[in-house]
Amino acid sequence: MIGRIGGLLALVAVVGAVGCGVAPEPGGADGSSAGGASGSGGVVFVGFDGSPPLVQALREGTIQGLVLQNPQRMGYLGVKTLIDHLEGREVEAEVSTGETLATPENMDEPEIAALLNPEKLEHGANASLSGEKTRTWRVMVIPKGTTHEFWQTIHAGAKKAADEMDAEILWKGPQKEDDRQQQIELVQNAIALGVDGIVLAPLDARALVGPVEQAVDRGIPVVIIDSALNSDKPVSYVATDNYNGGALAARRLGELLEGQGRAILLRYAVGSASTEQREQGFLDTMQSAFPEVTFVSDDQYAGATAATALEKSQQLVTRYRGQVDGIFAPNESSTFGMLRALEGAGMLKGSQ
């Protein structure tokens, strides 16, 4: 789903009033809000990140936009930057991997189609934790989790860079994207193994500072990917410009809402720098560019899994049905959860 520069998904969604093909009157008995998408015959939905269900929804027109990262490039440059540093080459302190808005209209363009259908690699190390090093460099890559397809694409990029640069990868991550303690233990394990370097997507911008700085103090360089860390000890930070990703989503949402209506911000998780930056970019852009869009909820969190995201999304959809025109949620699993909740409620545009 990175950090600032953070399988299933993130999201920006626009929820219109529910109708049976008849546009509700503003402020009508069904609770519809005035303006925005309330009379458009269903939900207008913009999301963050891609996965097969989201790509299919984009093609069907039930999602009108997806802000895409380039996780394969992120994984590739994370490992390449680390090895460049190990081999004495100068590296940049921050490396942006780009962000792109996909729509039903442009999704078949070659560059966007490649981002919507990236190469993936099933999770698993291509080197043994206990075996002898077989290449020049041994690198531990620690993602935020191992359930999202986003990380399988990160893995594919990391493996490609390792193969090109005579390195082997120890790929280990928590199963769920809220297990900070397990991620801390994985960094500590990497230190104990004496790996040549670590590529880390920190689950928490603060909780991982101590272990990372301990690694650096032991002579093990660290490159941060996806989501920022509150430390100046890492060699480099390789990630999406998440603030701009949130801004892209806001502009798409605001245009679809025609600059007015009511919205929900469904947050992801406390301490996740990447999604917090997307949320802030979204809010700032909505406020400055679309000041007539107001928020009915902006303090709810989807949680670390698609199941918790679905539960929270169902609560929001039930509570604000007919009263909201737009929703933003900032990662893969929250996008998927909201998609399923809106499908279940019969609120998706084009499905009525």
Protein backbone atom coordinates (compact mmCIF):
# COMPACT_ATOMS: atom_id res chain seq x y z
CA MET A 1 0.00 0.00 0.00
CA ILE A 2 5.07 4.01 1.27
CA GLY A 3 5.93 6.51 3.64
CA ARG A 4 6.36 9.89 2.96
CA ILE A 5 8.69 10.55 -0.10
CA GLY A 6 4.86 4.61 3.65
CA GLY A 7 -2.60 -8.55 -1.04
CA LEU A 8 -5.29 -5.51 -0.86
CA LEU A 9 -5.60 -1.60 -1.01
CA ALA A 10 -5.97 2.38 -0.32
CA LEU A 11 -8.65 4.72 -1.33
CA VAL A 12 -10.32 7.85 -2.25
CA ALA A 13 -14.04 7.39 -2.72
CA VAL A 14 -16.83 9.63 -3.60
CA VAL A 15 -20.14 8.55 -2.26
CA GLY A 16 -23.33 9.93 -3.74
CA ALA A 17 -26.85 9.53 -2.53
CA VAL A 18 -28.47 6.24 -3.28
CA GLY A 19 -31.34 6.29 -5.75
CA CYS A 20 -33.25 4.10 -8.08
CA GLY A 21 -32.36 6.07 -11.15
CA VAL A 22 -34.21 9.12 -9.80
CA ALA A 23 -32.11 12.04 -8.61
CA PRO A 24 -33.07 13.02 -5.03
CA GLU A 25 -34.01 16.57 -4.28
CA PRO A 26 -31.39 18.49 -2.25
CA GLY A 27 -32.06 17.99 1.42
CA GLY A 28 -34.86 15.55 0.61
CA ALA A 29 -36.50 13.00 2.85
CA ASP A 30 -33.85 10.41 2.05
CA GLY A 31 -31.19 12.53 3.74
CA SER A 32 -29.36 13.38 0.53
CA SER A 33 -26.92 16.25 0.73
CA ALA A 34 -27.23 19.11 -1.67
CA GLY A 35 -24.83 19.49 -4.57
CA GLY A 36 -21.91 17.23 -5.43
CA ALA A 37 -22.71 13.75 -6.66
CA SER A 38 -25.93 13.29 -4.73
CA GLY A 39 -28.02 13.30 -7.85
CA SER A 40 -25.67 11.35 -10.09
CA GLY A 41 -27.18 7.89 -9.59
CA GLY A 42 -24.64 6.27 -7.31
CA VAL A 43 -21.22 6.49 -5.77
CA VAL A 44 -18.32 8.25 -7.43
CA PHE A 45 -15.24 6.40 -6.23
CA VAL A 46 -11.54 7.24 -6.42
CA GLY A 47 -8.93 5.01 -4.78
CA PHE A 48 -5.24 4.66 -3.96
CA ASP A 49 -3.14 1.73 -5.27
CA GLY A 50 -4.12 -1.08 -7.60
CA SER A 51 -5.01 -4.74 -7.23
CA PRO A 52 -7.06 -7.03 -9.50
CA PRO A 53 -10.43 -6.21 -7.84
CA LEU A 54 -9.73 -2.48 -7.99
CA VAL A 55 -8.48 -2.59 -11.57
CA GLN A 56 -11.62 -4.49 -12.56
CA ALA A 57 -13.78 -1.90 -10.81
CA LEU A 58 -11.92 0.85 -12.67
CA ARG A 59 -12.59 -0.89 -15.98
CA GLU A 60 -16.26 -1.31 -15.11
CA GLY A 61 -16.54 2.35 -14.17
CA THR A 62 -17.55 1.74 -10.56
CA ILE A 63 -14.23 3.32 -9.58
CA GLN A 64 -13.49 6.56 -11.42
CA GLY A 65 -9.82 6.91 -10.49
CA LEU A 66 -6.88 5.21 -8.80
CA VAL A 67 -3.74 6.99 -7.68
CA LEU A 68 -0.93 4.57 -8.49
CA GLN A 69 2.51 4.21 -6.98
CA ASN A 70 5.38 2.39 -8.67
CA PRO A 71 6.23 -0.33 -6.12
CA GLN A 72 8.41 -2.30 -8.52
CA ARG A 73 10.61 0.76 -9.06
CA MET A 74 10.58 1.40 -5.31
CA GLY A 75 11.83 -2.09 -4.50
CA TYR A 76 14.42 -1.92 -7.26
CA LEU A 77 15.79 1.48 -6.25
CA GLY A 78 15.71 0.60 -2.55
CA VAL A 79 18.12 -2.29 -3.08
CA LYS A 80 20.16 -0.53 -5.78
CA THR A 81 20.64 2.56 -3.61
CA LEU A 82 21.82 0.42 -0.69
CA ILE A 83 24.34 -1.48 -2.82
CA ASP A 84 25.54 1.71 -4.51
CA HIS A 85 26.30 3.00 -1.01
CA LEU A 86 28.03 -0.23 -0.01
CA GLU A 87 30.22 0.01 -3.10
CA GLY A 88 31.20 3.59 -2.38
CA ARG A 89 29.05 5.42 -4.91
CA GLU A 90 27.30 8.63 -3.95
CA VAL A 91 23.54 8.31 -3.41
CA GLU A 92 20.74 10.82 -3.01
CA ALA A 93 19.20 11.41 0.41
CA GLU A 94 15.70 11.19 -1.09
CA VAL A 95 14.56 9.38 -4.22
CA SER A 96 11.04 9.86 -5.57
CA THR A 97 9.53 6.89 -7.42
CA GLY A 98 6.54 8.77 -8.85
CA GLU A 99 2.76 8.76 -8.61
CA THR A 100 0.15 8.62 -11.38
CA LEU A 101 -3.61 8.99 -11.64
CA ALA A 102 -5.32 6.20 -13.58
CA THR A 103 -8.86 6.70 -14.87
CA PRO A 104 -11.24 4.59 -16.94
CA GLU A 105 -10.28 6.80 -19.89
CA ASN A 106 -6.48 6.37 -19.70
CA MET A 107 -6.05 2.95 -18.09
CA ASP A 108 -5.14 1.21 -21.34
CA GLU A 109 -2.28 3.56 -22.15
CA PRO A 110 0.92 1.45 -22.01
CA GLU A 111 2.63 3.24 -19.10
CA ILE A 112 -0.49 3.20 -16.95
CA ALA A 113 -1.44 -0.35 -17.90
CA ALA A 114 2.01 -1.47 -16.72
CA LEU A 115 1.40 0.15 -13.32
CA LEU A 116 -2.04 -1.43 -13.05
CA ASN A 117 -0.68 -4.91 -13.83
CA PRO A 118 2.85 -5.03 -12.40
CA GLU A 119 5.10 -8.03 -12.00
CA LYS A 120 4.74 -9.73 -8.63
CA LEU A 121 6.89 -12.16 -6.67
CA GLU A 122 5.49 -14.46 -4.01
CA HIS A 123 6.91 -13.78 -0.59
CA GLY A 124 9.95 -15.77 0.46
CA ALA A 125 13.67 -15.27 0.82
CA ASN A 126 16.01 -16.12 -2.05
CA ALA A 127 18.69 -16.85 0.52
CA SER A 128 18.73 -18.84 3.75
CA LEU A 129 18.97 -17.08 7.09
CA SER A 130 21.41 -19.72 8.28
CA GLY A 131 23.21 -20.64 5.06
CA GLU A 132 26.51 -19.32 3.76
CA LYS A 133 26.48 -16.13 1.75
CA THR A 134 26.56 -17.02 -1.93
CA ARG A 135 26.94 -13.55 -3.46
CA THR A 136 28.93 -10.41 -2.78
CA TRP A 137 26.19 -8.76 -0.73
CA ARG A 138 23.54 -10.08 1.64
CA VAL A 139 20.62 -7.70 2.15
CA MET A 140 17.66 -8.01 4.51
CA VAL A 141 14.49 -6.49 3.01
CA ILE A 142 11.75 -5.90 5.58
CA PRO A 143 8.34 -4.81 4.23
CA LYS A 144 5.46 -3.55 6.35
CA GLY A 145 3.56 -6.78 5.83
CA THR A 146 3.12 -9.82 3.63
CA THR A 147 -0.61 -9.83 2.82
CA HIS A 148 -0.88 -6.93 0.35
CA GLU A 149 -0.07 -7.40 -3.31
CA PHE A 150 1.79 -4.09 -3.15
CA TRP A 151 4.60 -5.85 -1.27
CA GLN A 152 4.78 -8.67 -3.80
CA THR A 153 5.56 -6.03 -6.43
CA ILE A 154 8.13 -4.40 -4.14
CA HIS A 155 9.69 -7.87 -3.82
CA ALA A 156 9.86 -8.32 -7.60
CA GLY A 157 11.71 -5.02 -7.98
CA ALA A 158 14.08 -5.78 -5.10
CA LYS A 159 14.91 -9.19 -6.56
CA LYS A 160 15.65 -7.67 -9.96
CA ALA A 161 18.12 -5.20 -8.47
CA ALA A 162 19.75 -7.92 -6.37
CA ASP A 163 20.23 -10.15 -9.40
CA GLU A 164 21.84 -7.30 -11.34
CA MET A 165 24.18 -6.32 -8.51
CA ASP A 166 25.38 -9.72 -7.21
CA ALA A 167 23.31 -9.61 -4.04
CA GLU A 168 21.06 -12.06 -2.24
CA ILE A 169 17.90 -11.06 -0.44
CA LEU A 170 16.59 -12.16 2.92
CA TRP A 171 12.92 -11.16 2.59
CA LYS A 172 11.05 -11.13 5.91
CA GLY A 173 8.09 -9.10 7.10
CA PRO A 174 5.18 -9.17 9.55
CA GLN A 175 2.02 -10.85 8.34
CA LYS A 176 -0.11 -7.88 9.39
CA GLU A 177 0.68 -4.23 8.95
CA ASP A 178 0.22 -3.40 12.63
CA ASP A 179 2.79 -5.74 14.18
CA ARG A 180 5.42 -3.21 15.17
CA GLN A 181 7.05 -5.57 17.64
CA GLN A 182 7.67 -8.23 15.01
CA GLN A 183 9.19 -5.67 12.67
CA ILE A 184 11.46 -4.44 15.46
CA GLU A 185 12.54 -8.04 16.08
CA LEU A 186 13.27 -8.52 12.37
CA VAL A 187 15.62 -5.52 12.37
CA GLN A 188 17.30 -6.92 15.48
CA ASN A 189 17.62 -10.31 13.75
CA ALA A 190 19.28 -8.63 10.78
CA ILE A 191 21.79 -7.02 13.13
CA ALA A 192 22.50 -10.36 14.81
CA LEU A 193 22.99 -12.04 11.41
CA GLY A 194 25.49 -9.38 10.42
CA VAL A 195 23.89 -8.64 7.05
CA ASP A 196 25.60 -6.14 4.77
CA GLY A 197 22.61 -3.80 4.76
CA ILE A 198 18.89 -3.43 5.44
CA VAL A 199 16.05 -2.10 3.27
CA LEU A 200 13.10 -1.27 5.53
CA ALA A 201 9.54 -0.02 5.08
CA PRO A 202 8.85 1.07 8.68
CA LEU A 203 5.40 0.41 10.11
CA ASP A 204 5.81 3.34 12.48
CA ALA A 205 7.84 6.50 11.96
CA ARG A 206 8.88 6.53 15.62
CA ALA A 207 8.83 2.95 16.93
CA LEU A 208 11.49 1.76 14.45
CA VAL A 209 13.95 4.61 15.12
CA GLY A 210 15.82 2.81 17.90
CA PRO A 211 16.42 -0.48 16.06
CA VAL A 212 17.45 1.31 12.85
CA GLU A 213 19.90 3.57 14.63
CA GLN A 214 21.32 0.55 16.45
CA ALA A 215 21.92 -1.13 13.07
CA VAL A 216 23.67 1.93 11.70
CA ASP A 217 25.81 2.18 14.83
CA ARG A 218 26.86 -1.46 14.22
CA GLY A 219 28.02 -0.56 10.72
CA ILE A 220 24.96 -1.87 8.87
CA PRO A 221 23.59 0.82 6.53
CA VAL A 222 19.82 1.17 6.17
CA VAL A 223 17.73 2.45 3.26
CA ILE A 224 14.13 3.40 4.08
CA ILE A 225 11.42 2.73 1.49
CA ASP A 226 7.71 3.52 1.25
CA SER A 227 7.18 5.27 4.58
CA ALA A 228 9.36 7.81 6.36
CA LEU A 229 11.33 7.32 9.57
CA ASN A 230 12.01 10.08 12.11
CA SER A 231 15.78 9.70 11.90
CA ASP A 232 18.65 11.12 9.86
CA LYS A 233 20.72 7.94 10.21
CA PRO A 234 19.44 6.03 7.14
CA VAL A 235 21.43 6.33 3.92
CA SER A 236 18.44 7.29 1.78
CA TYR A 237 14.66 7.45 1.62
CA VAL A 238 13.09 5.92 -1.51
CA ALA A 239 9.36 6.43 -1.87
CA THR A 240 6.32 7.89 -3.54
CA ASP A 241 5.68 11.58 -2.96
CA ASN A 242 2.73 10.63 -0.82
CA TYR A 243 1.61 14.19 -0.15
CA ASN A 244 1.32 14.77 -3.89
CA GLY A 245 -0.49 11.44 -4.26
CA GLY A 246 -3.12 12.68 -1.83
CA ALA A 247 -3.33 15.95 -3.75
CA LEU A 248 -3.91 14.07 -7.04
CA ALA A 249 -6.75 12.16 -5.41
CA ALA A 250 -8.28 15.36 -4.05
CA ARG A 251 -8.23 17.06 -7.43
CA ARG A 252 -9.90 14.07 -9.06
CA LEU A 253 -12.48 13.85 -6.30
CA GLY A 254 -13.16 17.60 -6.29
CA GLU A 255 -13.66 17.68 -10.04
CA LEU A 256 -16.03 14.71 -9.94
CA LEU A 257 -17.99 16.42 -7.16
CA GLU A 258 -18.05 19.63 -9.21
CA GLY A 259 -16.53 21.45 -6.25
CA GLN A 260 -19.25 20.90 -3.68
CA GLY A 261 -20.71 18.25 -1.42
CA ARG A 262 -19.92 16.30 1.73
CA ALA A 263 -17.01 13.91 2.15
CA ILE A 264 -15.52 11.33 4.51
CA LEU A 265 -11.83 10.87 5.23
CA LEU A 266 -11.27 7.25 6.22
CA ARG A 267 -7.80 7.19 7.74
CA TYR A 268 -5.53 4.13 7.73
CA ALA A 269 -3.40 3.73 10.88
CA VAL A 270 -1.74 5.90 13.49
CA GLY A 271 2.01 6.28 12.91
CA SER A 272 2.01 5.24 9.24
CA ALA A 273 3.90 8.16 7.73
CA SER A 274 3.08 7.35 4.12
CA THR A 275 -0.69 7.31 4.58
CA GLU A 276 -0.64 10.24 6.99
CA GLN A 277 1.02 12.29 4.27
CA ARG A 278 -1.56 11.19 1.71
CA GLU A 279 -4.32 12.21 4.10
CA GLN A 280 -2.71 15.60 4.66
CA GLY A 281 -2.15 16.23 0.95
CA PHE A 282 -5.77 15.30 0.32
CA LEU A 283 -7.15 17.54 3.06
CA ASP A 284 -4.97 20.52 2.20
CA THR A 285 -5.86 20.34 -1.48
CA MET A 286 -9.57 19.93 -0.82
CA GLN A 287 -9.51 22.93 1.48
CA SER A 288 -7.59 25.17 -0.90
CA ALA A 289 -9.05 24.09 -4.26
CA PHE A 290 -12.55 22.93 -3.30
CA PRO A 291 -13.53 24.86 -0.15
CA GLU A 292 -17.23 24.08 -0.59
CA VAL A 293 -16.59 20.39 0.00
CA THR A 294 -17.06 19.71 3.71
CA PHE A 295 -16.30 16.62 5.83
CA VAL A 296 -18.88 14.72 7.86
CA SER A 297 -16.21 12.37 9.30
CA ASP A 298 -12.42 12.60 9.38
CA ASP A 299 -11.34 10.73 12.52
CA GLN A 300 -12.06 7.05 11.78
CA TYR A 301 -9.35 4.46 11.01
CA ALA A 302 -9.64 1.46 8.68
CA GLY A 303 -7.03 -0.60 10.52
CA ALA A 304 -4.37 -2.96 9.25
CA THR A 305 -6.41 -5.53 7.32
CA ALA A 306 -9.09 -5.68 4.67
CA ALA A 307 -11.42 -7.24 7.25
CA THR A 308 -11.13 -4.32 9.68
CA ALA A 309 -11.41 -1.90 6.76
CA LEU A 310 -14.62 -3.56 5.59
CA GLU A 311 -16.10 -3.41 9.09
CA LYS A 312 -15.30 0.27 9.52
CA SER A 313 -16.48 1.07 5.99
CA GLN A 314 -19.80 -0.66 6.60
CA GLN A 315 -20.27 1.42 9.74
CA LEU A 316 -19.60 4.65 7.85
CA VAL A 317 -21.75 3.71 4.86
CA THR A 318 -24.64 2.80 7.17
CA ARG A 319 -24.34 5.93 9.26
CA TYR A 320 -23.93 8.42 6.42
CA ARG A 321 -25.94 6.77 3.68
CA GLY A 322 -27.64 9.49 1.65
CA GLN A 323 -25.69 12.21 3.49
CA VAL A 324 -22.27 12.00 1.87
CA ASP A 325 -20.85 12.58 -1.61
CA GLY A 326 -17.20 11.59 -1.23
CA ILE A 327 -14.79 9.32 0.68
CA PHE A 328 -11.01 9.21 0.87
CA ALA A 329 -9.07 6.27 2.28
CA PRO A 330 -5.31 6.08 1.78
CA ASN A 331 -4.14 2.51 1.19
CA GLU A 332 -4.78 -0.80 -0.54
CA SER A 333 -6.73 -2.63 2.14
CA SER A 334 -8.93 0.33 3.06
CA THR A 335 -9.79 0.84 -0.62
CA PHE A 336 -10.78 -2.78 -0.95
CA GLY A 337 -12.82 -2.73 2.25
CA MET A 338 -14.70 0.38 1.15
CA LEU A 339 -15.31 -1.06 -2.31
CA ARG A 340 -16.91 -4.15 -0.80
CA ALA A 341 -18.98 -2.09 1.64
CA LEU A 342 -20.31 0.11 -1.13
CA GLU A 343 -21.06 -2.91 -3.29
CA GLY A 344 -22.95 -4.52 -0.44
CA ALA A 345 -24.99 -1.37 0.10
CA GLY A 346 -25.78 -1.06 -3.61
CA MET A 347 -24.20 2.41 -3.69
CA LEU A 348 -21.68 2.07 -6.51
CA LYS A 349 -22.17 4.18 -9.59
CA GLY A 350 -23.10 1.96 -12.54
CA SER A 351 -24.29 -0.92 -10.36
CA GLN A 352 -27.81 0.32 -9.73
